[in-house]
Amino acid sequence: MNTKMMVAAGAFALLLVGVVPVEAPAQMRGPRIEYVDIRWDGVDRLSVVYPDGRVDFVGEELKNIPRPDRVDKRAFYMTLAMGRMVTQGYELAAAFSDEIIMKRTLP
């Protein structure tokens, strides 16, 4: 009789393991974060690299904005590109001399 009880308890435990979800519910998962990379390689090759692999060369568009004579080209155009990404919901994550990493939290 004791053996039958142990077998039944073991079968019940296996059944529970199969029924109990292993993943955490969606509400408990952390936020999804998306990153973009703004890269400087001269005004003509200033680009934004998106997480899906798309690359936008934005330098040509930004050249139409008048730049003051005494302002560094790289700093000026990188700041304009960064401001553009802020309007899309991105915020600064990291910055290097010729590269800016920005992120945004997805819903």
Foldseek 3Di string as FASTA:
>chain_A
DVVVVVVVVVVVVVVVVVPDDPDDDPVPDDFDKWKWKFFDPDLQQTWIAGPVGDIDNCSVVCVVDDDDPVDDPQVVVVVVVVVVVVVVAWDFDDDDDGMTMIMHTDD
